[in-house]
Amino acid sequence: MKVKRGARAVEAAALKAIERAQQSGPPRDEYDELQGSLKRGRAAASRLGHNLTRWKRRAYAPNTAATAFCRHCRATALVNLEHASDAYGPALKNRCSAPRTDPPA
């Protein structure tokens, strides 16, 4: 979409884009990829020492996006099929930074 310069033109283009999005509804998981992405994301985070919360579906895209947090260090894991087919975020890049305590003997 080509937008002419000027605040009014930008605003009008944005309003048209929002209207189109409202008419078409949230994105659909056409290839049934979300569950596999969530499982692979949880496994990858676990390999780095994270213990993720349950995946929470995002209101703007309940069929294609979700987030979870590490219960220990609060690092985020994200899935958004509109951007990538795999999970991403700090929980998938860095090891869990929370101090580990040994269970009582």
C-alpha atoms as a PDB file:
ATOM      1  CA  MET A   1       0.000   0.000   0.000  1.00  0.00           C
ATOM      2  CA  LYS A   2       1.418   3.379  -0.974  1.00  0.00           C
ATOM      3  CA  VAL A   3       0.816   6.229   1.447  1.00  0.00           C
ATOM      4  CA  LYS A   4       1.067   9.876   0.493  1.00  0.00           C
ATOM      5  CA  ARG A   5       2.952  12.210   2.782  1.00  0.00           C
ATOM      6  CA  GLY A   6       1.093  14.050   5.471  1.00  0.00           C
ATOM      7  CA  ALA A   7      -0.550  13.173   8.755  1.00  0.00           C
ATOM      8  CA  ARG A   8      -4.066  12.994   7.283  1.00  0.00           C
ATOM      9  CA  ALA A   9      -3.007  10.605   4.539  1.00  0.00           C
ATOM     10  CA  VAL A  10      -1.204   8.373   7.038  1.00  0.00           C
ATOM     11  CA  GLU A  11      -4.195   8.391   9.380  1.00  0.00           C
ATOM     12  CA  ALA A  12      -6.605   7.561   6.540  1.00  0.00           C
ATOM     13  CA  ALA A  13      -4.406   4.665   5.389  1.00  0.00           C
ATOM     14  CA  ALA A  14      -4.200   3.332   8.949  1.00  0.00           C
ATOM     15  CA  LEU A  15      -7.960   3.522   9.404  1.00  0.00           C
ATOM     16  CA  LYS A  16      -8.475   1.597   6.154  1.00  0.00           C
ATOM     17  CA  ALA A  17      -6.006  -1.075   7.302  1.00  0.00           C
ATOM     18  CA  ILE A  18      -7.795  -1.404  10.653  1.00  0.00           C
ATOM     19  CA  GLU A  19     -11.163  -1.674   8.918  1.00  0.00           C
ATOM     20  CA  ARG A  20      -9.868  -4.439   6.620  1.00  0.00           C
ATOM     21  CA  ALA A  21      -8.442  -6.311   9.630  1.00  0.00           C
ATOM     22  CA  GLN A  22     -11.761  -6.055  11.490  1.00  0.00           C
ATOM     23  CA  GLN A  23     -13.654  -7.425   8.511  1.00  0.00           C
ATOM     24  CA  SER A  24     -11.308 -10.355   7.945  1.00  0.00           C
ATOM     25  CA  GLY A  25     -11.031 -11.241  11.652  1.00  0.00           C
ATOM     26  CA  PRO A  26      -7.961 -12.623  13.425  1.00  0.00           C
ATOM     27  CA  PRO A  27      -5.397 -14.568  11.408  1.00  0.00           C
ATOM     28  CA  ARG A  28      -6.060 -18.280  10.974  1.00  0.00           C
ATOM     29  CA  ASP A  29      -3.696 -21.187  11.494  1.00  0.00           C
ATOM     30  CA  GLU A  30      -4.257 -22.494   7.975  1.00  0.00           C
ATOM     31  CA  TYR A  31      -1.618 -25.248   8.189  1.00  0.00           C
ATOM     32  CA  ASP A  32      -2.259 -26.323  11.810  1.00  0.00           C
ATOM     33  CA  GLU A  33       1.244 -25.251  12.883  1.00  0.00           C
ATOM     34  CA  LEU A  34       0.606 -23.655  16.268  1.00  0.00           C
ATOM     35  CA  GLN A  35       0.595 -26.758  18.499  1.00  0.00           C
ATOM     36  CA  GLY A  36       3.844 -28.046  17.025  1.00  0.00           C
ATOM     37  CA  SER A  37       5.485 -24.635  17.440  1.00  0.00           C
ATOM     38  CA  LEU A  38       4.383 -24.473  21.082  1.00  0.00           C
ATOM     39  CA  LYS A  39       5.787 -27.948  21.832  1.00  0.00           C
ATOM     40  CA  ARG A  40       9.098 -27.230  20.087  1.00  0.00           C
ATOM     41  CA  GLY A  41       9.370 -23.889  21.911  1.00  0.00           C
ATOM     42  CA  ARG A  42       8.785 -25.498  25.309  1.00  0.00           C
ATOM     43  CA  ALA A  43      11.384 -28.196  24.589  1.00  0.00           C
ATOM     44  CA  ALA A  44      13.986 -25.659  23.414  1.00  0.00           C
ATOM     45  CA  ALA A  45      13.447 -23.473  26.498  1.00  0.00           C
ATOM     46  CA  SER A  46      13.694 -26.523  28.744  1.00  0.00           C
ATOM     47  CA  ARG A  47      17.084 -27.428  27.230  1.00  0.00           C
ATOM     48  CA  LEU A  48      18.290 -23.990  28.373  1.00  0.00           C
ATOM     49  CA  GLY A  49      17.028 -24.582  31.929  1.00  0.00           C
ATOM     50  CA  HIS A  50      13.734 -22.671  31.716  1.00  0.00           C
ATOM     51  CA  ASN A  51      10.474 -23.927  33.211  1.00  0.00           C
ATOM     52  CA  LEU A  52       7.762 -22.196  31.168  1.00  0.00           C
ATOM     53  CA  THR A  53       4.270 -21.301  32.325  1.00  0.00           C
ATOM     54  CA  ARG A  54       1.320 -22.403  30.211  1.00  0.00           C
ATOM     55  CA  TRP A  55       1.150 -20.752  26.805  1.00  0.00           C
ATOM     56  CA  LYS A  56      -1.289 -17.838  26.799  1.00  0.00           C
ATOM     57  CA  ARG A  57      -2.990 -17.125  23.488  1.00  0.00           C
ATOM     58  CA  ARG A  58      -2.767 -13.512  22.363  1.00  0.00           C
ATOM     59  CA  ALA A  59      -6.037 -11.616  21.987  1.00  0.00           C
ATOM     60  CA  TYR A  60      -4.989 -10.022  18.702  1.00  0.00           C
ATOM     61  CA  ALA A  61      -4.272 -13.421  17.112  1.00  0.00           C
ATOM     62  CA  PRO A  62      -5.646 -16.293  19.253  1.00  0.00           C
ATOM     63  CA  ASN A  63      -5.074 -18.863  16.508  1.00  0.00           C
ATOM     64  CA  THR A  64      -1.512 -17.909  15.622  1.00  0.00           C
ATOM     65  CA  ALA A  65       0.222 -16.266  18.605  1.00  0.00           C
ATOM     66  CA  ALA A  66       1.028 -17.156  22.217  1.00  0.00           C
ATOM     67  CA  THR A  67       3.450 -16.214  24.996  1.00  0.00           C
ATOM     68  CA  ALA A  68       4.897 -17.985  28.026  1.00  0.00           C
ATOM     69  CA  PHE A  69       7.315 -16.982  30.791  1.00  0.00           C
ATOM     70  CA  CYS A  70       9.982 -18.867  32.714  1.00  0.00           C
ATOM     71  CA  ARG A  71       8.740 -19.486  36.245  1.00  0.00           C
ATOM     72  CA  HIS A  72      12.219 -18.811  37.650  1.00  0.00           C
ATOM     73  CA  CYS A  73      13.742 -15.884  35.740  1.00  0.00           C
ATOM     74  CA  ARG A  74      10.632 -14.522  33.912  1.00  0.00           C
ATOM     75  CA  ALA A  75      12.304 -14.723  30.471  1.00  0.00           C
ATOM     76  CA  THR A  76       9.745 -14.589  27.675  1.00  0.00           C
ATOM     77  CA  ALA A  77       9.051 -17.155  24.967  1.00  0.00           C
ATOM     78  CA  LEU A  78       6.890 -16.066  22.033  1.00  0.00           C
ATOM     79  CA  VAL A  79       5.205 -17.737  19.098  1.00  0.00           C
ATOM     80  CA  ASN A  80       3.701 -15.662  16.318  1.00  0.00           C
ATOM     81  CA  LEU A  81       3.123 -17.597  13.121  1.00  0.00           C
ATOM     82  CA  GLU A  82       2.724 -14.320  11.243  1.00  0.00           C
ATOM     83  CA  HIS A  83       6.456 -13.669  11.820  1.00  0.00           C
ATOM     84  CA  ALA A  84       8.117 -17.099  12.184  1.00  0.00           C
ATOM     85  CA  SER A  85       7.142 -20.756  12.373  1.00  0.00           C
ATOM     86  CA  ASP A  86       9.269 -21.362  15.493  1.00  0.00           C
ATOM     87  CA  ALA A  87       9.220 -19.865  18.960  1.00  0.00           C
ATOM     88  CA  TYR A  88      11.608 -17.029  19.737  1.00  0.00           C
ATOM     89  CA  GLY A  89      12.550 -14.690  22.556  1.00  0.00           C
ATOM     90  CA  PRO A  90      14.969 -14.497  25.483  1.00  0.00           C
ATOM     91  CA  ALA A  91      13.887 -17.866  26.900  1.00  0.00           C
ATOM     92  CA  LEU A  92      15.010 -19.508  23.656  1.00  0.00           C
ATOM     93  CA  LYS A  93      18.335 -17.658  23.383  1.00  0.00           C
ATOM     94  CA  ASN A  94      19.749 -17.478  26.916  1.00  0.00           C
ATOM     95  CA  ARG A  95      20.189 -19.952  29.741  1.00  0.00           C
ATOM     96  CA  CYS A  96      17.934 -19.485  32.761  1.00  0.00           C
ATOM     97  CA  SER A  97      19.589 -16.904  35.015  1.00  0.00           C
ATOM     98  CA  ALA A  98      17.757 -17.819  38.225  1.00  0.00           C
ATOM     99  CA  PRO A  99      19.981 -19.226  40.964  1.00  0.00           C
ATOM    100  CA  ARG A 100      19.567 -22.956  41.398  1.00  0.00           C
ATOM    101  CA  THR A 101      19.102 -24.351  44.873  1.00  0.00           C
ATOM    102  CA  ASP A 102      19.622 -27.965  45.750  1.00  0.00           C
ATOM    103  CA  PRO A 103      16.654 -29.715  47.347  1.00  0.00           C
ATOM    104  CA  PRO A 104      16.980 -30.317  51.110  1.00  0.00           C
ATOM    105  CA  ALA A 105      18.678 -33.587  52.039  1.00  0.00           C
END
